[in-house]
Protein backbone atom coordinates (compact mmCIF):
# COMPACT_ATOMS: atom_id res chain seq x y z
CA MET A 1 -12.20 7.25 43.01
CA ILE A 2 -10.47 9.25 40.27
CA GLN A 3 -6.72 9.69 40.07
CA THR A 4 -5.38 12.65 38.09
CA ASP A 5 -2.18 12.36 36.08
CA SER A 6 0.27 15.12 35.20
CA ASP A 7 -1.53 15.98 31.94
CA SER A 8 -5.05 16.96 32.96
CA SER A 9 -5.09 20.56 31.73
CA ARG A 10 -6.31 20.02 28.17
CA ARG A 11 -9.84 21.23 27.44
CA VAL A 12 -12.20 18.43 26.42
CA ALA A 13 -15.50 18.80 24.55
CA TYR A 14 -17.89 15.85 24.80
CA PHE A 15 -20.80 15.40 22.37
CA TYR A 16 -23.78 13.28 23.32
CA ASN A 17 -27.49 12.79 22.68
CA ARG A 18 -29.10 9.80 24.32
CA PHE A 19 -31.64 9.66 21.51
CA ILE A 20 -28.95 8.16 19.27
CA GLY A 21 -28.64 5.17 21.60
CA LYS A 22 -32.30 4.29 21.12
CA PHE A 23 -32.07 3.38 17.43
CA GLN A 24 -32.18 -0.32 16.57
CA TYR A 25 -30.68 -2.02 13.54
CA GLY A 26 -32.69 -5.11 14.40
CA LYS A 27 -33.03 -7.56 17.25
CA GLU A 28 -30.41 -9.98 15.92
CA HIS A 29 -28.07 -7.37 14.43
CA PRO A 30 -24.66 -7.17 16.16
CA MET A 31 -24.52 -3.35 15.98
CA LYS A 32 -26.18 -2.02 19.14
CA PRO A 33 -26.32 1.79 19.51
CA LYS A 34 -27.32 1.09 23.11
CA ARG A 35 -23.59 0.80 23.89
CA ILE A 36 -23.34 4.59 23.49
CA ILE A 37 -25.88 5.12 26.28
CA MET A 38 -24.05 2.58 28.42
CA ALA A 39 -20.71 4.34 27.92
CA HIS A 40 -22.34 7.68 28.70
CA ASN A 41 -23.81 6.36 31.95
CA LEU A 42 -20.36 5.23 33.09
CA ILE A 43 -18.92 8.62 32.13
CA VAL A 44 -21.61 10.33 34.20
CA ASN A 45 -21.41 7.98 37.17
CA TYR A 46 -17.62 8.19 37.36
CA GLY A 47 -18.03 11.98 37.45
CA LEU A 48 -15.98 12.50 34.30
CA PHE A 49 -18.55 14.79 32.70
CA ARG A 50 -17.81 17.44 35.35
CA GLN A 51 -14.36 17.92 33.83
CA MET A 52 -15.67 18.51 30.27
CA ASP A 53 -17.79 20.86 28.23
CA VAL A 54 -20.84 18.74 27.40
CA TYR A 55 -22.81 19.40 24.22
CA LEU A 56 -26.19 18.06 23.15
CA ILE A 57 -25.48 17.06 19.56
CA ARG A 58 -27.55 18.20 16.62
CA GLU A 59 -28.40 16.69 13.26
CA ALA A 60 -26.13 17.41 10.32
CA GLN A 61 -27.82 19.26 7.50
CA LEU A 62 -28.31 17.69 4.09
CA GLN A 63 -25.86 20.15 2.50
CA GLU A 64 -23.20 19.25 5.08
CA ILE A 65 -23.56 15.53 4.36
CA GLY A 66 -23.43 16.38 0.65
CA LYS A 67 -19.93 17.73 1.10
CA PHE A 68 -18.80 14.11 0.62
CA HIS A 69 -21.76 11.88 -0.17
CA ASP A 70 -23.56 11.58 -3.50
CA PRO A 71 -26.79 13.67 -3.65
CA ASP A 72 -28.90 10.79 -4.94
CA TYR A 73 -27.61 8.58 -2.14
CA ILE A 74 -28.50 11.20 0.47
CA ILE A 75 -32.01 11.56 -0.94
CA TYR A 76 -32.40 7.79 -0.92
CA LEU A 77 -31.31 7.52 2.72
CA SER A 78 -33.56 10.40 3.73
CA GLN A 79 -36.58 8.24 2.88
CA PHE A 80 -36.00 6.43 6.14
CA MET A 81 -37.08 9.09 8.61
CA SER A 82 -39.03 8.19 11.72
CA GLN A 83 -42.73 8.99 11.63
CA ASN A 84 -42.28 11.22 14.69
CA LYS A 85 -39.78 13.38 12.85
CA ILE A 86 -41.96 13.54 9.75
CA ASN A 87 -44.87 14.72 11.88
CA PHE A 88 -42.68 17.31 13.60
CA VAL A 89 -41.39 18.73 10.32
CA LYS A 90 -44.90 18.91 8.84
CA GLU A 91 -46.36 20.59 11.91
CA TYR A 92 -43.49 23.05 12.28
CA CYS A 93 -43.43 24.03 8.63
CA SER A 94 -47.21 24.31 8.30
CA ALA A 95 -47.22 26.79 11.19
CA ASN A 96 -44.54 29.01 9.64
CA ASN A 97 -44.17 30.93 6.45
CA GLU A 98 -41.56 29.25 4.23
CA SER A 99 -39.43 32.38 4.29
CA VAL A 100 -38.59 31.81 7.97
CA ILE A 101 -38.25 28.03 7.97
CA PRO A 102 -34.66 27.00 8.81
CA GLU A 103 -32.82 25.81 5.72
CA ASN A 104 -32.28 22.26 6.94
CA LEU A 105 -35.96 21.84 7.82
CA LEU A 106 -37.03 23.37 4.52
CA GLU A 107 -34.98 20.77 2.65
CA GLU A 108 -36.55 17.97 4.64
CA PHE A 109 -40.02 19.50 4.27
CA LYS A 110 -39.65 19.44 0.48
CA LEU A 111 -38.57 15.80 0.62
CA ILE A 112 -41.54 14.84 2.79
CA ILE A 113 -43.96 16.60 0.43
CA LYS A 114 -42.40 14.73 -2.48
CA TRP A 115 -42.88 11.40 -0.70
CA SER A 116 -46.49 12.29 0.10
CA GLN A 117 -47.12 12.90 -3.58
CA GLN A 118 -45.66 9.46 -4.26
CA GLN A 119 -47.99 7.97 -1.65
CA LYS A 120 -45.01 7.33 0.64
CA VAL A 121 -43.80 4.43 -1.48
CA LYS A 122 -40.11 3.94 -0.71
CA THR A 123 -38.03 3.33 -3.80
CA GLU A 124 -35.48 0.56 -3.96
CA ASN A 125 -31.99 0.95 -5.39
CA SER A 126 -29.52 -1.91 -4.99
CA GLU A 127 -26.71 0.40 -6.08
CA PHE A 128 -26.69 2.00 -2.64
CA LYS A 129 -26.44 -1.33 -0.75
CA VAL A 130 -29.07 -0.27 1.79
CA GLY A 131 -31.50 -2.95 2.86
CA ASP A 132 -30.18 -5.53 0.43
CA SER A 133 -28.26 -7.50 3.07
CA PRO A 134 -28.51 -8.18 6.82
CA ASP A 135 -25.45 -5.98 7.39
CA ASN A 136 -27.07 -2.71 6.32
CA PRO A 137 -30.78 -2.94 7.10
CA THR A 138 -33.34 -0.18 6.78
CA PHE A 139 -35.09 0.90 9.96
CA SER A 140 -37.27 3.74 11.15
CA GLY A 141 -35.19 6.80 11.89
CA LEU A 142 -32.15 5.57 9.97
CA PHE A 143 -31.53 8.98 8.45
CA SER A 144 -31.85 10.79 11.79
CA TYR A 145 -29.34 8.32 13.23
CA CYS A 146 -26.90 9.22 10.44
CA GLN A 147 -27.54 12.95 10.87
CA LEU A 148 -26.89 12.86 14.62
CA SER A 149 -23.70 10.84 14.31
CA SER A 150 -22.41 13.12 11.55
CA GLY A 151 -23.50 16.34 13.22
CA ALA A 152 -21.50 15.46 16.32
CA SER A 153 -18.33 14.64 14.37
CA ILE A 154 -18.57 17.84 12.33
CA ASP A 155 -19.03 19.79 15.54
CA CYS A 156 -16.03 18.03 17.06
CA ALA A 157 -13.98 19.48 14.21
CA HIS A 158 -15.52 22.87 14.75
CA SER A 159 -14.80 22.88 18.48
CA ILE A 160 -11.14 22.26 17.64
CA LEU A 161 -10.98 24.87 14.87
CA THR A 162 -12.55 27.58 17.01
CA GLY A 163 -10.29 26.88 19.97
CA GLN A 164 -13.13 25.77 22.22
CA ALA A 165 -11.41 22.45 22.89
CA ASP A 166 -8.05 20.69 22.65
CA ILE A 167 -9.69 17.25 22.53
CA ALA A 168 -13.21 16.51 21.24
CA ILE A 169 -15.10 13.24 21.77
CA ASN A 170 -18.00 11.69 19.84
CA TRP A 171 -18.47 8.02 20.75
CA SER A 172 -21.47 7.83 18.40
CA GLY A 173 -19.19 8.47 15.42
CA GLY A 174 -16.39 6.51 13.79
CA LEU A 175 -18.47 4.81 11.07
CA HIS A 176 -15.47 4.22 8.84
CA HIS A 177 -16.81 1.80 6.20
CA ALA A 178 -19.39 4.07 4.51
CA LYS A 179 -18.54 5.02 0.93
CA LYS A 180 -19.49 8.05 -1.14
CA LYS A 181 -22.68 6.44 -2.44
CA GLU A 182 -22.82 3.08 -0.71
CA ALA A 183 -23.57 1.67 2.73
CA SER A 184 -21.05 -0.84 4.02
CA GLY A 185 -20.27 -2.72 7.22
CA PHE A 186 -23.12 -1.28 9.33
CA CYS A 187 -22.13 2.25 8.19
CA TYR A 188 -24.30 4.53 6.04
CA ILE A 189 -22.79 8.03 6.33
CA ASN A 190 -19.06 8.48 6.86
CA ASP A 191 -18.94 10.99 9.71
CA ILE A 192 -15.14 10.68 9.84
CA VAL A 193 -14.67 11.95 6.30
CA LEU A 194 -17.06 14.83 6.98
CA CYS A 195 -15.11 15.68 10.14
CA ILE A 196 -11.75 15.63 8.35
CA LEU A 197 -13.05 17.73 5.45
CA GLU A 198 -14.07 20.38 7.95
CA LEU A 199 -10.61 20.30 9.53
CA LEU A 200 -8.98 20.68 6.12
CA ARG A 201 -10.58 24.10 5.77
CA VAL A 202 -7.90 25.39 8.14
CA TYR A 203 -5.31 22.69 8.76
CA VAL A 204 -2.73 21.73 6.16
CA ARG A 205 -2.31 18.10 7.26
CA VAL A 206 -4.56 15.76 9.21
CA LEU A 207 -3.57 12.34 10.52
CA TYR A 208 -6.27 9.69 10.76
CA VAL A 209 -5.46 6.78 13.12
CA ASP A 210 -7.75 3.73 13.19
CA ILE A 211 -7.46 1.02 15.89
CA ASP A 212 -10.69 -0.76 15.01
CA CYS A 213 -10.22 -4.47 14.33
CA HIS A 214 -11.55 -3.86 10.81
CA HIS A 215 -9.74 -1.87 8.15
CA GLY A 216 -10.87 1.76 7.81
CA ASP A 217 -11.53 1.32 4.10
CA GLY A 218 -14.11 4.07 3.62
CA VAL A 219 -11.84 6.77 5.02
CA GLU A 220 -8.79 5.49 3.16
CA GLU A 221 -10.73 5.42 -0.11
CA ALA A 222 -11.95 8.99 0.38
CA PHE A 223 -8.40 10.34 0.78
CA TYR A 224 -6.48 7.83 -1.34
CA LEU A 225 -5.40 10.50 -3.85
CA THR A 226 -4.28 13.27 -1.50
CA ASN A 227 -1.28 14.04 0.68
CA ARG A 228 -3.22 16.35 3.00
CA VAL A 229 -4.61 13.38 4.94
CA MET A 230 -2.58 10.41 6.04
CA THR A 231 -4.70 7.38 6.90
CA LEU A 232 -3.08 4.92 9.32
CA SER A 233 -5.03 1.74 10.04
CA PHE A 234 -4.10 -1.09 12.44
CA HIS A 235 -6.39 -4.01 11.70
CA GLN A 236 -6.95 -7.74 11.32
CA TYR A 237 -6.36 -9.02 7.79
CA GLY A 238 -6.64 -12.34 5.95
CA ASP A 239 -8.84 -15.44 6.03
CA ASP A 240 -11.65 -13.46 4.34
CA PHE A 241 -11.93 -11.14 7.32
CA TYR A 242 -14.14 -8.15 6.51
CA PRO A 243 -13.70 -5.93 4.50
CA GLY A 244 -10.78 -7.77 2.88
CA THR A 245 -8.81 -4.57 2.19
CA GLY A 246 -5.86 -2.92 3.92
CA GLN A 247 -2.94 -5.00 2.76
CA LEU A 248 0.55 -3.70 3.54
CA ASN A 249 1.26 -2.60 -0.03
CA SER A 250 -1.91 -0.49 -0.30
CA VAL A 251 -0.20 2.91 -0.06
CA GLY A 252 -2.21 5.43 -2.07
CA VAL A 253 -2.07 6.69 -5.64
CA GLY A 254 -0.70 9.76 -7.38
CA VAL A 255 -0.12 12.68 -5.02
CA GLY A 256 -1.43 10.43 -2.27
CA ARG A 257 1.14 7.70 -2.81
CA TYR A 258 2.62 6.58 0.55
CA TYR A 259 0.03 8.61 2.48
CA SER A 260 -2.11 5.54 3.10
CA VAL A 261 -0.44 3.39 5.73
CA ASN A 262 -1.77 -0.06 6.56
CA VAL A 263 -0.71 -2.37 9.35
CA PRO A 264 -2.36 -5.75 8.72
CA MET A 265 -2.23 -8.32 11.51
CA LYS A 266 -3.41 -11.85 12.15
CA PRO A 267 -5.80 -12.97 14.90
CA GLY A 268 -4.74 -13.27 18.52
CA MET A 269 -2.85 -9.99 18.73
CA SER A 270 -2.13 -9.17 22.38
CA ASP A 271 -1.22 -6.00 24.28
CA GLN A 272 2.56 -6.03 24.42
CA PRO A 273 3.40 -6.60 20.73
CA TYR A 274 0.48 -4.43 19.58
CA ILE A 275 1.48 -1.44 21.70
CA GLU A 276 5.15 -1.84 20.79
CA MET A 277 4.40 -1.84 17.06
CA PHE A 278 1.84 0.95 17.42
CA LYS A 279 4.38 3.22 19.12
CA LYS A 280 7.14 2.46 16.62
CA ILE A 281 4.96 3.27 13.62
CA THR A 282 3.05 6.28 14.99
CA SER A 283 6.20 7.90 16.35
CA ARG A 284 7.80 7.72 12.89
CA VAL A 285 4.59 8.99 11.26
CA MET A 286 4.46 11.95 13.63
CA GLN A 287 8.13 12.69 13.03
CA VAL A 288 7.84 12.62 9.26
CA TYR A 289 4.29 13.78 8.56
CA ARG A 290 3.92 16.36 11.37
CA PRO A 291 0.13 16.71 11.25
CA ASP A 292 -1.81 19.69 12.57
CA CYS A 293 -4.53 17.50 14.06
CA ILE A 294 -5.18 13.84 14.87
CA VAL A 295 -8.52 12.14 14.26
CA MET A 296 -8.56 8.77 16.04
CA GLN A 297 -11.15 6.06 15.48
CA CYS A 298 -11.29 3.97 18.66
CA GLY A 299 -13.30 0.96 17.50
CA ALA A 300 -13.52 -1.43 20.44
CA ASP A 301 -13.92 -4.65 18.44
CA SER A 302 -10.16 -5.07 18.76
CA LEU A 303 -10.74 -5.94 22.41
CA SER A 304 -10.61 -9.49 23.70
CA GLN A 305 -13.96 -11.31 23.76
CA ASP A 306 -15.49 -9.23 20.99
CA LYS A 307 -18.18 -11.06 19.04
CA LEU A 308 -16.75 -10.15 15.63
CA GLY A 309 -13.09 -9.26 16.18
CA GLY A 310 -10.19 -11.69 16.55
CA PHE A 311 -7.70 -9.66 18.59
CA ASN A 312 -7.00 -10.19 22.28
CA LEU A 313 -6.38 -6.66 23.58
CA SER A 314 -7.28 -5.49 27.07
CA ILE A 315 -8.91 -2.14 27.76
CA LYS A 316 -5.59 -0.89 29.11
CA GLY A 317 -3.81 -2.01 25.94
CA HIS A 318 -6.41 -0.32 23.73
CA GLY A 319 -6.28 2.81 25.88
CA ALA A 320 -2.48 2.90 25.75
CA CYS A 321 -2.78 3.81 22.08
CA VAL A 322 -5.01 6.79 22.90
CA GLN A 323 -2.63 7.83 25.67
CA TYR A 324 0.36 7.66 23.33
CA MET A 325 -1.26 9.81 20.66
CA LYS A 326 -2.41 12.31 23.27
CA GLN A 327 1.14 12.88 24.52
CA PHE A 328 2.10 14.55 21.22
CA GLY A 329 0.10 17.53 22.45
CA ILE A 330 -1.65 18.52 19.22
CA PRO A 331 -5.44 18.88 18.75
CA MET A 332 -7.17 15.53 18.80
CA ILE A 333 -10.61 14.10 18.03
CA LEU A 334 -11.73 10.74 19.46
CA LEU A 335 -14.49 8.83 17.69
CA GLY A 336 -16.21 5.52 18.33
CA GLY A 337 -16.54 2.75 15.76
CA GLY A 338 -16.94 -1.01 15.99
CA GLY A 339 -17.45 -3.06 19.12
CA TYR A 340 -20.03 -5.79 19.56
CA THR A 341 -19.68 -7.08 23.11
CA ILE A 342 -21.40 -3.96 24.32
CA GLN A 343 -20.53 -4.09 28.03
CA ASN A 344 -16.84 -4.11 27.07
CA VAL A 345 -17.29 -1.30 24.55
CA SER A 346 -18.85 0.96 27.18
CA ARG A 347 -16.06 0.15 29.64
CA CYS A 348 -13.43 0.96 27.03
CA TRP A 349 -14.85 4.30 25.93
CA ALA A 350 -15.43 5.43 29.52
CA TYR A 351 -11.81 4.53 30.32
CA GLU A 352 -10.55 6.42 27.27
CA THR A 353 -12.67 9.44 28.18
CA GLY A 354 -10.72 9.41 31.42
CA ILE A 355 -7.46 9.26 29.46
CA ALA A 356 -8.51 12.31 27.45
CA LEU A 357 -9.09 14.13 30.74
CA GLY A 358 -5.82 12.95 32.27
CA GLN A 359 -7.71 10.91 34.85
CA GLN A 360 -7.54 7.25 35.79
CA ILE A 361 -10.94 6.00 36.86
CA ASP A 362 -11.46 3.39 39.56
CA GLU A 363 -11.79 -0.34 38.95
CA ALA A 364 -15.30 -0.84 40.36
CA ILE A 365 -18.38 -0.13 38.25
CA PRO A 366 -20.53 2.41 40.16
CA SER A 367 -23.35 0.47 41.80
CA ASN A 368 -25.91 3.14 40.86
CA ASP A 369 -25.33 2.62 37.13
CA ILE A 370 -28.62 1.51 35.56
CA TYR A 371 -26.74 -1.05 33.45
CA TYR A 372 -24.87 -2.43 36.46
CA ASP A 373 -26.03 -6.01 35.86
CA TYR A 374 -24.41 -6.02 32.41
CA TYR A 375 -21.00 -6.01 34.10
CA SER A 376 -21.41 -9.21 36.07
CA PRO A 377 -19.91 -11.30 37.51
CA ASP A 378 -17.01 -9.06 38.61
CA TYR A 379 -18.57 -5.60 38.17
CA LEU A 380 -15.14 -4.16 37.41
CA LEU A 381 -14.08 -1.70 34.75
CA HIS A 382 -11.33 -3.99 33.44
CA PHE A 383 -12.43 -7.45 32.35
CA PRO A 384 -10.02 -10.42 32.00
CA ILE A 385 -8.77 -11.18 28.50
CA LYS A 386 -9.00 -14.67 27.07
CA GLN A 387 -6.34 -17.09 28.22
CA ASN A 388 -4.47 -19.61 26.06
CA VAL A 389 -5.20 -17.65 22.87
CA GLU A 390 -2.61 -18.20 20.18
CA ASN A 391 -1.08 -14.99 18.86
CA ARG A 392 -0.60 -15.86 15.21
CA ASN A 393 1.61 -12.81 14.66
CA LYS A 394 5.26 -13.85 14.72
CA THR A 395 7.84 -11.34 15.91
CA GLU A 396 9.77 -11.52 12.66
CA ASP A 397 6.58 -10.78 10.67
CA LEU A 398 5.76 -7.76 12.81
CA ASN A 399 9.31 -6.47 12.46
CA LYS A 400 9.03 -6.83 8.70
CA ILE A 401 5.81 -4.78 8.72
CA VAL A 402 7.49 -2.01 10.69
CA SER A 403 10.50 -2.03 8.38
CA THR A 404 8.29 -1.85 5.29
CA VAL A 405 6.24 1.01 6.71
CA TYR A 406 9.44 2.89 7.55
CA ASP A 407 10.56 2.45 3.95
CA TYR A 408 7.25 3.80 2.63
CA LEU A 409 7.43 6.79 4.97
CA SER A 410 10.90 7.65 3.72
CA HIS A 411 9.36 8.55 0.36
CA ILE A 412 6.96 11.23 1.56
CA GLU A 413 7.60 14.96 1.46
CA ASN A 414 8.49 16.97 4.52
CA ALA A 415 5.63 18.92 6.05
CA PRO A 416 5.01 22.07 3.98
CA GLY A 417 6.05 25.43 5.37
CA ILE A 418 3.36 27.47 3.59
CA HIS A 419 -0.05 27.86 5.22
CA PHE A 420 -3.38 29.03 3.85
CA HIS A 421 -4.08 32.75 3.65
CA ASP A 422 -7.71 32.33 2.58
CA VAL A 423 -10.01 29.97 4.45
CA PRO A 424 -11.90 27.75 1.98
CA PHE A 425 -15.69 27.87 1.86
CA SER A 426 -17.50 25.75 4.44
CA PHE A 427 -20.95 24.22 4.50
CA TYR A 428 -20.77 24.56 8.26
CA PRO A 429 -23.64 26.87 9.30
CA ASP A 430 -22.71 30.27 10.71
CA MET A 431 -19.01 29.47 11.04
CA ASP A 432 -17.98 33.10 10.74
CA GLU A 433 -20.98 34.75 12.32
CA GLU A 434 -21.23 35.39 16.03
CA ASN A 435 -25.00 35.47 16.25
CA GLU A 436 -27.55 33.19 17.85
CA ASP A 437 -30.20 31.78 15.58
CA GLU A 438 -33.54 31.98 17.34
CA ASN A 439 -34.49 28.70 15.69
CA LYS A 440 -31.72 26.71 17.40
CA GLU A 441 -33.87 26.03 20.42
CA GLN A 442 -36.64 24.78 18.14
CA MET A 443 -34.19 22.40 16.51
CA ASP A 444 -33.61 20.61 19.80
CA TYR A 445 -37.21 19.42 19.75
CA LYS A 446 -36.53 17.78 16.39
CA GLN A 447 -34.05 15.52 18.16
CA GLU A 448 -36.91 14.19 20.30
CA VAL A 449 -34.97 14.55 23.53
CA SER A 450 -35.82 16.71 26.51
CA LEU A 451 -33.05 19.08 27.52
CA ASN A 452 -34.42 19.18 31.06
CA GLU A 453 -34.27 15.38 31.34
CA LEU A 454 -30.70 15.35 30.09
CA GLU A 455 -29.80 18.08 32.59
CA GLN A 456 -31.20 15.93 35.38
CA GLU A 457 -29.21 12.97 34.10
CA LEU A 458 -26.06 15.07 34.24
CA GLY A 459 -26.92 16.50 37.63
CA VAL A 460 -27.25 20.06 36.32
CA SER A 461 -30.23 21.72 37.96
CA ASN A 462 -29.78 25.44 37.30
CA SER A 463 -31.11 25.93 33.78
CA SER A 464 -29.99 29.55 33.72
CA LYS A 465 -26.43 28.34 33.35
CA ASN A 466 -27.15 26.61 30.05
CA GLU A 467 -25.93 28.34 26.95
CA ILE A 468 -25.85 27.96 23.21
CA SER A 469 -22.30 28.46 22.03
CA VAL A 470 -22.19 31.26 19.47
CA GLN A 471 -19.69 29.27 17.44
CA SER A 472 -21.27 25.84 17.49
CA ASN A 473 -24.72 24.58 16.57
CA SER A 474 -24.63 21.92 19.27
CA ARG A 475 -26.14 23.13 22.53
CA LYS A 476 -23.68 23.41 25.40
CA ILE A 477 -25.53 22.03 28.40
CA TYR A 478 -22.65 21.86 30.85
CA SER A 479 -19.36 23.69 31.12
CA LYS A 480 -16.32 22.56 33.07
CA SER A 481 -16.18 26.05 34.60
CA GLN A 482 -19.54 25.39 36.29
CA GLN A 483 -18.27 22.60 38.53
CA GLN A 484 -17.29 24.97 41.31
CA ASP A 485 -20.90 26.19 41.52
CA LEU A 486 -22.50 22.74 41.66
């Protein structure tokens, strides 16, 4: 059963590729991309996908990733392609004259040839922090995983900029710890930064809101010196909790001073005080900063029972933050992030997909969900939070945080009244051209996923209704307007 609220008219674009859920950091690693598949299955089985435009996400090109990340770091990461992809690129390029090879494949083809000449010996560089600790392991297909996650977040931005959507969702994104030339906290490429940089081509101000249990340090660092992005992070802090940054007085530098806002909390944070403080701070931020777009990282490790987080939020409490930001009515992008009790992560992101659509989904997990057994013993969407957990955040401390943040916000400039006349250059392919690249269909094979299988999963049987959006490189495989014909 789905109940619709009064705000269900906003257009939602949803980006997904089940291939991304098949990557594995390692058997014992807490990061499980499988949670993305699990969330998607709930979204499908609750019927939410029928209210959205669904896109099969594509891989970001090397030049797009290079808009933020160091070239040497990108080349280093690109060593870790899956053998299947290497074979595909070799076969495709050997069958085509180089003059007609798509630019992104040509770049990868040159890399592969270079590795072949080096007898496929992978170089090691501790500077990049990849493979030198259990947190950031190397694995087959690592680079494709990064490309897919980033491609979806960039396309989320593009769907907003082109007016194709009011809200865009990429649950495979939100990897907020990655630095310019360094892997960190299970994150290798910072899809959030790439997404925001694309938005800044058109928008004057972007607000980044992070409700992951861990501080969004990579995003804050990227925009620490600018006033065009305000980073607002609600996170656990202290007692050597990772990453150890995000203290209250970390506010930005130079032109960016007071445009980094941090809300550090202690373990045990529960719904009522969290939501109250969240609303107080975000309402003041929206009043003062007046952003053109909101990018929200919805890391689910702030939920109760998470394996790595120390907060005690319910799904409804976590979702209340998404609901509150949505009610401001400006363009919005929802991204994934942390979350390590995977059956709770999938519940949360399915619930918040419903919020984006203005729909409240039913309590019971659909019995036909292939991951149904993961939701035992109750098989309900909302799981019980831990009881008798001490909330170490005292009311007077939380009030002091709010007061301090208000003081910081009083120092920032009013939103500018002058807008861009010239749109800055973009690495985004074909942004200003309304033509269909005949190679786009070929690129889908590179993602090693069958479009027909995904159509069947979504319940879309008439392939003639599929289309490639002329303004997005991700393939639109289902449109909300089709639901009347199904």
